């Protein structure tokens, strides 16, 4: 007999945002399967942190850019736990102009394969299991790169390939919401500049000048970059408190997209 405890599959959970989400869901009582592939130096700590939940958590090494590997790993998760209720589609590869310079074909292909294609294959493999749940939820992650591209203070951060892939994620979100209806909700969190993702604690952020970093912060209405906990709260909201929301995009960017358009004071009457 299948367990009644909900199961979440969290992609890209070796560190940063993915790891924060996976640990938070485990703390909330869910059983969690988390994937990892690269970032070898962070793997031992990731395994240690999830190990405190015992057999309620399962860590799997898989290259999700290899489409042949996606189906087997999803089936393994569903077989191990007996069900699948939540998919956190948190996998991406964002090229920084300040890091990579002009595009090489391999970098372009890697960003497209990771940020866009892998999400599609994972969703297709997971959907039959999600549809067996009474309250399934998919959360796609994208970036405001899909809105602002290589412009303004973000010019040293977002490449065109990554921006194009991020914009494509929103189309997937809308299509999948239709495919999953009525019992599989599909929503999207569009991230701005966050620690471990296009912000502090990344190699690219360290390569920016102090003026370039400050320009990004000044462009953000909240006057700071995002934190992992900000994402965790948004994820918990979608899973727990938004049963009527599907096909929607939450832009979690601290107001960066709006920051470049100041509001002029009202003129005096004529």
C-alpha atoms as a PDB file:
ATOM      1  CA  UNK A   1       0.000   0.000   0.000  1.00  0.00           C
ATOM      2  CA  UNK A   2       1.394   3.403  -1.019  1.00  0.00           C
ATOM      3  CA  UNK A   3       2.289   5.895   1.662  1.00  0.00           C
ATOM      4  CA  UNK A   4       0.026   8.872   2.213  1.00  0.00           C
ATOM      5  CA  UNK A   5       2.976  11.181   2.970  1.00  0.00           C
ATOM      6  CA  UNK A   6       3.668  13.653   0.192  1.00  0.00           C
ATOM      7  CA  UNK A   7       6.841  13.355  -1.868  1.00  0.00           C
ATOM      8  CA  UNK A   8       8.834  16.143  -3.490  1.00  0.00           C
ATOM      9  CA  UNK A   9      11.488  15.893  -6.180  1.00  0.00           C
ATOM     10  CA  UNK A  10      13.882  18.848  -5.970  1.00  0.00           C
ATOM     11  CA  UNK A  11      16.281  19.334  -8.851  1.00  0.00           C
ATOM     12  CA  UNK A  12      19.674  20.969  -8.408  1.00  0.00           C
ATOM     13  CA  UNK A  13      19.773  20.586  -4.635  1.00  0.00           C
ATOM     14  CA  UNK A  14      23.521  20.353  -4.104  1.00  0.00           C
ATOM     15  CA  UNK A  15      23.721  23.892  -2.713  1.00  0.00           C
ATOM     16  CA  UNK A  16      22.133  27.322  -2.612  1.00  0.00           C
ATOM     17  CA  UNK A  17      18.472  27.728  -3.506  1.00  0.00           C
ATOM     18  CA  UNK A  18      17.781  24.111  -4.448  1.00  0.00           C
ATOM     19  CA  UNK A  19      19.331  22.794  -1.266  1.00  0.00           C
ATOM     20  CA  UNK A  20      17.478  25.385   0.817  1.00  0.00           C
ATOM     21  CA  UNK A  21      14.154  24.352  -0.696  1.00  0.00           C
ATOM     22  CA  UNK A  22      14.846  20.643  -0.263  1.00  0.00           C
ATOM     23  CA  UNK A  23      15.785  21.012   3.398  1.00  0.00           C
ATOM     24  CA  UNK A  24      12.780  23.254   4.082  1.00  0.00           C
ATOM     25  CA  UNK A  25      10.363  20.731   2.575  1.00  0.00           C
ATOM     26  CA  UNK A  26      11.949  17.942   4.599  1.00  0.00           C
ATOM     27  CA  UNK A  27      11.529  20.056   7.728  1.00  0.00           C
ATOM     28  CA  UNK A  28       7.866  20.483   6.778  1.00  0.00           C
ATOM     29  CA  UNK A  29       7.439  16.716   6.926  1.00  0.00           C
ATOM     30  CA  UNK A  30       7.638  15.837   3.248  1.00  0.00           C
ATOM     31  CA  UNK A  31       9.765  13.044   1.892  1.00  0.00           C
ATOM     32  CA  UNK A  32      12.314  14.555  -0.453  1.00  0.00           C
ATOM     33  CA  UNK A  33      14.333  13.256  -3.382  1.00  0.00           C
ATOM     34  CA  UNK A  34      17.074  15.660  -4.364  1.00  0.00           C
ATOM     35  CA  UNK A  35      19.320  15.580  -7.414  1.00  0.00           C
ATOM     36  CA  UNK A  36      22.885  16.694  -7.879  1.00  0.00           C
ATOM     37  CA  UNK A  37      25.550  16.317 -10.538  1.00  0.00           C
ATOM     38  CA  UNK A  38      28.477  18.728 -10.482  1.00  0.00           C
ATOM     39  CA  UNK A  39      29.858  21.063  -7.780  1.00  0.00           C
ATOM     40  CA  UNK A  40      31.828  18.146  -6.339  1.00  0.00           C
ATOM     41  CA  UNK A  41      33.188  20.165  -3.412  1.00  0.00           C
ATOM     42  CA  UNK A  42      29.650  20.789  -2.102  1.00  0.00           C
ATOM     43  CA  UNK A  43      28.360  17.213  -2.339  1.00  0.00           C
ATOM     44  CA  UNK A  44      29.619  15.900   1.041  1.00  0.00           C
ATOM     45  CA  UNK A  45      27.982  18.772   2.936  1.00  0.00           C
ATOM     46  CA  UNK A  46      24.757  18.342   0.979  1.00  0.00           C
ATOM     47  CA  UNK A  47      24.595  14.640   1.844  1.00  0.00           C
ATOM     48  CA  UNK A  48      25.347  15.372   5.489  1.00  0.00           C
ATOM     49  CA  UNK A  49      22.603  17.989   5.751  1.00  0.00           C
ATOM     50  CA  UNK A  50      19.953  15.738   4.206  1.00  0.00           C
ATOM     51  CA  UNK A  51      21.157  12.691   6.152  1.00  0.00           C
ATOM     52  CA  UNK A  52      19.676  14.054   9.390  1.00  0.00           C
ATOM     53  CA  UNK A  53      16.232  13.225   7.985  1.00  0.00           C
ATOM     54  CA  UNK A  54      17.201   9.583   7.561  1.00  0.00           C
ATOM     55  CA  UNK A  55      15.350   7.520   4.986  1.00  0.00           C
ATOM     56  CA  UNK A  56      12.860  10.335   4.422  1.00  0.00           C
ATOM     57  CA  UNK A  57      15.386  11.850   1.997  1.00  0.00           C
ATOM     58  CA  UNK A  58      17.021  10.368  -1.075  1.00  0.00           C
ATOM     59  CA  UNK A  59      19.930  11.990  -2.917  1.00  0.00           C
ATOM     60  CA  UNK A  60      20.505  11.007  -6.538  1.00  0.00           C
ATOM     61  CA  UNK A  61      23.379  11.865  -8.843  1.00  0.00           C
ATOM     62  CA  UNK A  62      22.118  12.423 -12.383  1.00  0.00           C
ATOM     63  CA  UNK A  63      23.039  14.486 -15.420  1.00  0.00           C
ATOM     64  CA  UNK A  64      19.656  15.921 -16.341  1.00  0.00           C
ATOM     65  CA  UNK A  65      21.062  17.248 -19.613  1.00  0.00           C
ATOM     66  CA  UNK A  66      21.226  13.594 -20.691  1.00  0.00           C
ATOM     67  CA  UNK A  67      17.633  13.055 -21.747  1.00  0.00           C
ATOM     68  CA  UNK A  68      18.101   9.270 -21.551  1.00  0.00           C
ATOM     69  CA  UNK A  69      18.784   9.542 -17.808  1.00  0.00           C
ATOM     70  CA  UNK A  70      15.685  11.555 -16.910  1.00  0.00           C
ATOM     71  CA  UNK A  71      12.995   8.901 -17.158  1.00  0.00           C
ATOM     72  CA  UNK A  72      14.867   6.311 -15.080  1.00  0.00           C
ATOM     73  CA  UNK A  73      15.614   8.739 -12.249  1.00  0.00           C
ATOM     74  CA  UNK A  74      11.984   9.915 -12.029  1.00  0.00           C
ATOM     75  CA  UNK A  75      10.782   6.313 -12.031  1.00  0.00           C
ATOM     76  CA  UNK A  76      13.288   5.504  -9.309  1.00  0.00           C
ATOM     77  CA  UNK A  77      11.957   8.305  -7.102  1.00  0.00           C
ATOM     78  CA  UNK A  78       8.336   7.275  -7.620  1.00  0.00           C
ATOM     79  CA  UNK A  79       9.214   3.621  -7.053  1.00  0.00           C
ATOM     80  CA  UNK A  80      11.265   4.304  -3.932  1.00  0.00           C
ATOM     81  CA  UNK A  81       8.651   6.461  -2.207  1.00  0.00           C
ATOM     82  CA  UNK A  82       5.528   5.052  -3.849  1.00  0.00           C
ATOM     83  CA  UNK A  83       4.301   8.371  -5.206  1.00  0.00           C
ATOM     84  CA  UNK A  84       5.267  11.847  -6.438  1.00  0.00           C
ATOM     85  CA  UNK A  85       3.351  15.002  -5.501  1.00  0.00           C
ATOM     86  CA  UNK A  86       5.681  17.967  -5.974  1.00  0.00           C
ATOM     87  CA  UNK A  87       8.272  18.819  -8.611  1.00  0.00           C
ATOM     88  CA  UNK A  88      10.665  21.684  -7.936  1.00  0.00           C
ATOM     89  CA  UNK A  89      12.052  22.303 -11.420  1.00  0.00           C
ATOM     90  CA  UNK A  90      15.151  24.118 -10.207  1.00  0.00           C
ATOM     91  CA  UNK A  91      17.831  23.491 -12.792  1.00  0.00           C
ATOM     92  CA  UNK A  92      19.603  26.085 -14.871  1.00  0.00           C
ATOM     93  CA  UNK A  93      22.915  27.214 -16.255  1.00  0.00           C
ATOM     94  CA  UNK A  94      23.327  30.960 -16.528  1.00  0.00           C
ATOM     95  CA  UNK A  95      26.259  32.353 -18.448  1.00  0.00           C
ATOM     96  CA  UNK A  96      27.766  35.625 -17.247  1.00  0.00           C
ATOM     97  CA  UNK A  97      29.335  37.964 -19.829  1.00  0.00           C
ATOM     98  CA  UNK A  98      31.811  38.992 -17.131  1.00  0.00           C
ATOM     99  CA  UNK A  99      32.807  35.320 -16.723  1.00  0.00           C
ATOM    100  CA  UNK A 100      32.535  33.817 -20.197  1.00  0.00           C
ATOM    101  CA  UNK A 101      32.874  36.773 -22.524  1.00  0.00           C
ATOM    102  CA  UNK A 102      31.453  36.334 -26.040  1.00  0.00           C
ATOM    103  CA  UNK A 103      29.477  33.147 -26.581  1.00  0.00           C
ATOM    104  CA  UNK A 104      31.066  29.914 -27.662  1.00  0.00           C
ATOM    105  CA  UNK A 105      28.682  27.349 -29.126  1.00  0.00           C
ATOM    106  CA  UNK A 106      29.273  24.869 -26.289  1.00  0.00           C
ATOM    107  CA  UNK A 107      28.324  27.460 -23.666  1.00  0.00           C
ATOM    108  CA  UNK A 108      25.175  28.450 -25.570  1.00  0.00           C
ATOM    109  CA  UNK A 109      24.127  24.802 -25.945  1.00  0.00           C
ATOM    110  CA  UNK A 110      24.810  24.068 -22.265  1.00  0.00           C
ATOM    111  CA  UNK A 111      22.634  26.966 -21.115  1.00  0.00           C
ATOM    112  CA  UNK A 112      19.775  25.945 -23.405  1.00  0.00           C
ATOM    113  CA  UNK A 113      20.016  22.264 -22.478  1.00  0.00           C
ATOM    114  CA  UNK A 114      20.100  22.914 -18.736  1.00  0.00           C
ATOM    115  CA  UNK A 115      17.796  25.901 -18.320  1.00  0.00           C
ATOM    116  CA  UNK A 116      15.104  24.873 -20.798  1.00  0.00           C
ATOM    117  CA  UNK A 117      15.345  21.370 -22.260  1.00  0.00           C
ATOM    118  CA  UNK A 118      15.992  19.487 -19.017  1.00  0.00           C
ATOM    119  CA  UNK A 119      12.866  20.994 -17.445  1.00  0.00           C
ATOM    120  CA  UNK A 120      10.742  19.692 -20.317  1.00  0.00           C
ATOM    121  CA  UNK A 121      12.037  16.123 -20.088  1.00  0.00           C
ATOM    122  CA  UNK A 122      11.676  15.979 -16.306  1.00  0.00           C
ATOM    123  CA  UNK A 123       8.110  17.296 -16.427  1.00  0.00           C
ATOM    124  CA  UNK A 124       7.084  14.801 -19.103  1.00  0.00           C
ATOM    125  CA  UNK A 125       8.526  11.937 -17.064  1.00  0.00           C
ATOM    126  CA  UNK A 126       6.942  13.164 -13.825  1.00  0.00           C
ATOM    127  CA  UNK A 127       3.467  14.078 -15.096  1.00  0.00           C
ATOM    128  CA  UNK A 128       1.940  10.562 -15.034  1.00  0.00           C
ATOM    129  CA  UNK A 129       2.911  10.223 -11.360  1.00  0.00           C
ATOM    130  CA  UNK A 130       1.839  13.753 -10.474  1.00  0.00           C
ATOM    131  CA  UNK A 131      -1.592  13.115 -11.983  1.00  0.00           C
ATOM    132  CA  UNK A 132      -2.137  10.312  -9.478  1.00  0.00           C
ATOM    133  CA  UNK A 133      -1.882  12.840  -6.637  1.00  0.00           C
ATOM    134  CA  UNK A 134      -4.919  14.666  -5.277  1.00  0.00           C
ATOM    135  CA  UNK A 135      -2.940  17.895  -4.942  1.00  0.00           C
ATOM    136  CA  UNK A 136       0.155  17.950  -7.128  1.00  0.00           C
ATOM    137  CA  UNK A 137       2.306  21.001  -7.613  1.00  0.00           C
ATOM    138  CA  UNK A 138       5.061  21.928 -10.049  1.00  0.00           C
ATOM    139  CA  UNK A 139       7.219  24.995  -9.533  1.00  0.00           C
ATOM    140  CA  UNK A 140       9.401  26.111 -12.419  1.00  0.00           C
ATOM    141  CA  UNK A 141      12.295  28.456 -11.823  1.00  0.00           C
ATOM    142  CA  UNK A 142      13.265  31.130 -14.308  1.00  0.00           C
ATOM    143  CA  UNK A 143      15.045  34.473 -14.257  1.00  0.00           C
ATOM    144  CA  UNK A 144      14.240  38.099 -14.936  1.00  0.00           C
ATOM    145  CA  UNK A 145      16.925  37.700 -17.597  1.00  0.00           C
ATOM    146  CA  UNK A 146      13.973  36.661 -19.765  1.00  0.00           C
ATOM    147  CA  UNK A 147      12.586  40.191 -19.348  1.00  0.00           C
ATOM    148  CA  UNK A 148      15.634  42.448 -19.201  1.00  0.00           C
ATOM    149  CA  UNK A 149      18.223  40.507 -21.198  1.00  0.00           C
ATOM    150  CA  UNK A 150      21.675  42.017 -21.512  1.00  0.00           C
ATOM    151  CA  UNK A 151      20.714  45.570 -20.612  1.00  0.00           C
ATOM    152  CA  UNK A 152      21.307  48.150 -17.900  1.00  0.00           C
ATOM    153  CA  UNK A 153      23.129  47.057 -14.729  1.00  0.00           C
ATOM    154  CA  UNK A 154      22.461  43.420 -15.711  1.00  0.00           C
ATOM    155  CA  UNK A 155      24.649  43.729 -18.812  1.00  0.00           C
ATOM    156  CA  UNK A 156      27.589  41.957 -17.193  1.00  0.00           C
ATOM    157  CA  UNK A 157      25.360  39.257 -15.695  1.00  0.00           C
ATOM    158  CA  UNK A 158      22.835  37.946 -18.251  1.00  0.00           C
ATOM    159  CA  UNK A 159      23.737  36.492 -21.642  1.00  0.00           C
ATOM    160  CA  UNK A 160      21.283  36.309 -24.530  1.00  0.00           C
ATOM    161  CA  UNK A 161      21.139  32.506 -24.559  1.00  0.00           C
ATOM    162  CA  UNK A 162      20.274  32.287 -20.885  1.00  0.00           C
ATOM    163  CA  UNK A 163      17.764  35.119 -21.286  1.00  0.00           C
ATOM    164  CA  UNK A 164      16.081  33.397 -24.221  1.00  0.00           C
ATOM    165  CA  UNK A 165      15.908  30.106 -22.312  1.00  0.00           C
ATOM    166  CA  UNK A 166      14.401  31.861 -19.285  1.00  0.00           C
ATOM    167  CA  UNK A 167      11.727  33.460 -21.424  1.00  0.00           C
ATOM    168  CA  UNK A 168      10.927  30.030 -22.830  1.00  0.00           C
ATOM    169  CA  UNK A 169      10.301  28.676 -19.336  1.00  0.00           C
ATOM    170  CA  UNK A 170       7.223  30.899 -19.023  1.00  0.00           C
ATOM    171  CA  UNK A 171       5.726  29.329 -22.137  1.00  0.00           C
ATOM    172  CA  UNK A 172       6.330  25.894 -20.643  1.00  0.00           C
ATOM    173  CA  UNK A 173       4.636  26.988 -17.420  1.00  0.00           C
ATOM    174  CA  UNK A 174       1.474  28.026 -19.256  1.00  0.00           C
ATOM    175  CA  UNK A 175       1.358  24.901 -21.425  1.00  0.00           C
ATOM    176  CA  UNK A 176       1.998  22.566 -18.515  1.00  0.00           C
ATOM    177  CA  UNK A 177      -0.712  24.223 -16.426  1.00  0.00           C
ATOM    178  CA  UNK A 178      -3.170  23.259 -19.164  1.00  0.00           C
ATOM    179  CA  UNK A 179      -1.776  19.731 -19.440  1.00  0.00           C
ATOM    180  CA  UNK A 180      -1.836  19.202 -15.680  1.00  0.00           C
ATOM    181  CA  UNK A 181      -5.308  20.552 -14.998  1.00  0.00           C
ATOM    182  CA  UNK A 182      -7.272  20.122 -12.880  1.00  0.00           C
ATOM    183  CA  UNK A 183      -5.243  18.449 -10.134  1.00  0.00           C
ATOM    184  CA  UNK A 184      -1.648  19.357 -11.102  1.00  0.00           C
ATOM    185  CA  UNK A 185      -0.937  23.020 -10.462  1.00  0.00           C
ATOM    186  CA  UNK A 186       2.009  24.486 -12.379  1.00  0.00           C
ATOM    187  CA  UNK A 187       3.465  27.846 -11.423  1.00  0.00           C
ATOM    188  CA  UNK A 188       6.718  29.724 -11.885  1.00  0.00           C
ATOM    189  CA  UNK A 189       9.052  31.770  -9.720  1.00  0.00           C
ATOM    190  CA  UNK A 190      11.044  34.286 -11.738  1.00  0.00           C
ATOM    191  CA  UNK A 191      14.135  35.230  -9.777  1.00  0.00           C
ATOM    192  CA  UNK A 192      16.124  38.425  -9.744  1.00  0.00           C
ATOM    193  CA  UNK A 193      19.568  38.746  -8.176  1.00  0.00           C
ATOM    194  CA  UNK A 194      20.002  36.263  -5.334  1.00  0.00           C
ATOM    195  CA  UNK A 195      22.781  34.948  -3.193  1.00  0.00           C
ATOM    196  CA  UNK A 196      24.180  31.854  -4.922  1.00  0.00           C
ATOM    197  CA  UNK A 197      22.340  32.810  -8.139  1.00  0.00           C
ATOM    198  CA  UNK A 198      23.519  35.874 -10.036  1.00  0.00           C
ATOM    199  CA  UNK A 199      24.356  37.591  -6.769  1.00  0.00           C
ATOM    200  CA  UNK A 200      26.628  37.292  -3.741  1.00  0.00           C
ATOM    201  CA  UNK A 201      28.418  33.974  -3.158  1.00  0.00           C
ATOM    202  CA  UNK A 202      28.925  33.378  -6.870  1.00  0.00           C
ATOM    203  CA  UNK A 203      32.069  33.589  -8.951  1.00  0.00           C
ATOM    204  CA  UNK A 204      30.547  36.136 -11.309  1.00  0.00           C
ATOM    205  CA  UNK A 205      29.520  38.495  -8.537  1.00  0.00           C
ATOM    206  CA  UNK A 206      33.081  38.499  -7.312  1.00  0.00           C
ATOM    207  CA  UNK A 207      34.277  39.612 -10.744  1.00  0.00           C
ATOM    208  CA  UNK A 208      32.030  42.683 -10.810  1.00  0.00           C
ATOM    209  CA  UNK A 209      33.458  46.000  -9.688  1.00  0.00           C
ATOM    210  CA  UNK A 210      32.038  47.632  -6.580  1.00  0.00           C
ATOM    211  CA  UNK A 211      30.306  50.188  -8.800  1.00  0.00           C
ATOM    212  CA  UNK A 212      28.711  47.455 -10.929  1.00  0.00           C
ATOM    213  CA  UNK A 213      27.416  45.649  -7.831  1.00  0.00           C
ATOM    214  CA  UNK A 214      26.054  48.878  -6.389  1.00  0.00           C
ATOM    215  CA  UNK A 215      24.317  49.717  -9.662  1.00  0.00           C
ATOM    216  CA  UNK A 216      22.374  46.455  -9.442  1.00  0.00           C
ATOM    217  CA  UNK A 217      21.383  47.118  -5.841  1.00  0.00           C
ATOM    218  CA  UNK A 218      20.438  50.732  -6.606  1.00  0.00           C
ATOM    219  CA  UNK A 219      18.246  49.449  -9.455  1.00  0.00           C
ATOM    220  CA  UNK A 220      16.417  47.131  -7.029  1.00  0.00           C
ATOM    221  CA  UNK A 221      13.538  48.823  -5.197  1.00  0.00           C
ATOM    222  CA  UNK A 222      14.140  46.910  -1.972  1.00  0.00           C
ATOM    223  CA  UNK A 223      17.777  48.001  -1.973  1.00  0.00           C
ATOM    224  CA  UNK A 224      19.263  44.526  -1.577  1.00  0.00           C
ATOM    225  CA  UNK A 225      19.792  41.220  -3.316  1.00  0.00           C
ATOM    226  CA  UNK A 226      17.616  38.234  -2.479  1.00  0.00           C
ATOM    227  CA  UNK A 227      18.269  35.508   0.065  1.00  0.00           C
ATOM    228  CA  UNK A 228      17.597  31.787  -0.053  1.00  0.00           C
ATOM    229  CA  UNK A 229      14.951  32.223   2.649  1.00  0.00           C
ATOM    230  CA  UNK A 230      13.035  34.613   0.374  1.00  0.00           C
ATOM    231  CA  UNK A 231      12.699  31.814  -2.186  1.00  0.00           C
ATOM    232  CA  UNK A 232      11.799  29.214   0.427  1.00  0.00           C
ATOM    233  CA  UNK A 233       8.923  31.373   1.651  1.00  0.00           C
ATOM    234  CA  UNK A 234       7.585  31.771  -1.883  1.00  0.00           C
ATOM    235  CA  UNK A 235       7.793  28.022  -2.479  1.00  0.00           C
ATOM    236  CA  UNK A 236       5.967  27.264   0.758  1.00  0.00           C
ATOM    237  CA  UNK A 237       3.261  29.758  -0.181  1.00  0.00           C
ATOM    238  CA  UNK A 238       2.658  28.150  -3.571  1.00  0.00           C
ATOM    239  CA  UNK A 239       2.570  24.641  -2.140  1.00  0.00           C
ATOM    240  CA  UNK A 240       0.507  25.330   0.981  1.00  0.00           C
ATOM    241  CA  UNK A 241      -1.542  28.475   0.503  1.00  0.00           C
ATOM    242  CA  UNK A 242      -2.293  28.928  -3.201  1.00  0.00           C
ATOM    243  CA  UNK A 243      -4.634  26.077  -4.232  1.00  0.00           C
ATOM    244  CA  UNK A 244      -6.406  28.284  -6.785  1.00  0.00           C
ATOM    245  CA  UNK A 245      -3.231  29.462  -8.536  1.00  0.00           C
ATOM    246  CA  UNK A 246      -1.925  27.748 -11.653  1.00  0.00           C
ATOM    247  CA  UNK A 247      -0.212  28.969 -14.807  1.00  0.00           C
ATOM    248  CA  UNK A 248       1.023  32.018 -12.900  1.00  0.00           C
ATOM    249  CA  UNK A 249       4.412  33.686 -12.574  1.00  0.00           C
ATOM    250  CA  UNK A 250       5.631  35.214  -9.326  1.00  0.00           C
ATOM    251  CA  UNK A 251       8.374  37.726 -10.074  1.00  0.00           C
ATOM    252  CA  UNK A 252      10.623  37.576  -7.044  1.00  0.00           C
ATOM    253  CA  UNK A 253      13.161  40.261  -7.878  1.00  0.00           C
ATOM    254  CA  UNK A 254      12.922  42.889  -5.149  1.00  0.00           C
ATOM    255  CA  UNK A 255      11.532  45.278  -7.747  1.00  0.00           C
ATOM    256  CA  UNK A 256      14.550  45.185 -10.078  1.00  0.00           C
ATOM    257  CA  UNK A 257      12.446  45.165 -13.247  1.00  0.00           C
ATOM    258  CA  UNK A 258      10.566  48.264 -12.058  1.00  0.00           C
ATOM    259  CA  UNK A 259      13.615  50.036 -10.681  1.00  0.00           C
ATOM    260  CA  UNK A 260      14.701  51.590 -13.960  1.00  0.00           C
ATOM    261  CA  UNK A 261      11.526  53.623 -14.353  1.00  0.00           C
ATOM    262  CA  UNK A 262      11.313  56.331 -11.669  1.00  0.00           C
ATOM    263  CA  UNK A 263       8.012  58.050 -11.001  1.00  0.00           C
ATOM    264  CA  UNK A 264       8.108  61.770 -11.717  1.00  0.00           C
ATOM    265  CA  UNK A 265       6.426  64.138  -9.263  1.00  0.00           C
ATOM    266  CA  UNK A 266       3.040  65.487 -10.252  1.00  0.00           C
ATOM    267  CA  UNK A 267       3.321  68.880 -11.979  1.00  0.00           C
ATOM    268  CA  UNK A 268       1.561  71.869 -10.494  1.00  0.00           C
ATOM    269  CA  UNK A 269      -1.897  72.646 -11.878  1.00  0.00           C
ATOM    270  CA  UNK A 270      -2.016  74.809 -14.987  1.00  0.00           C
END
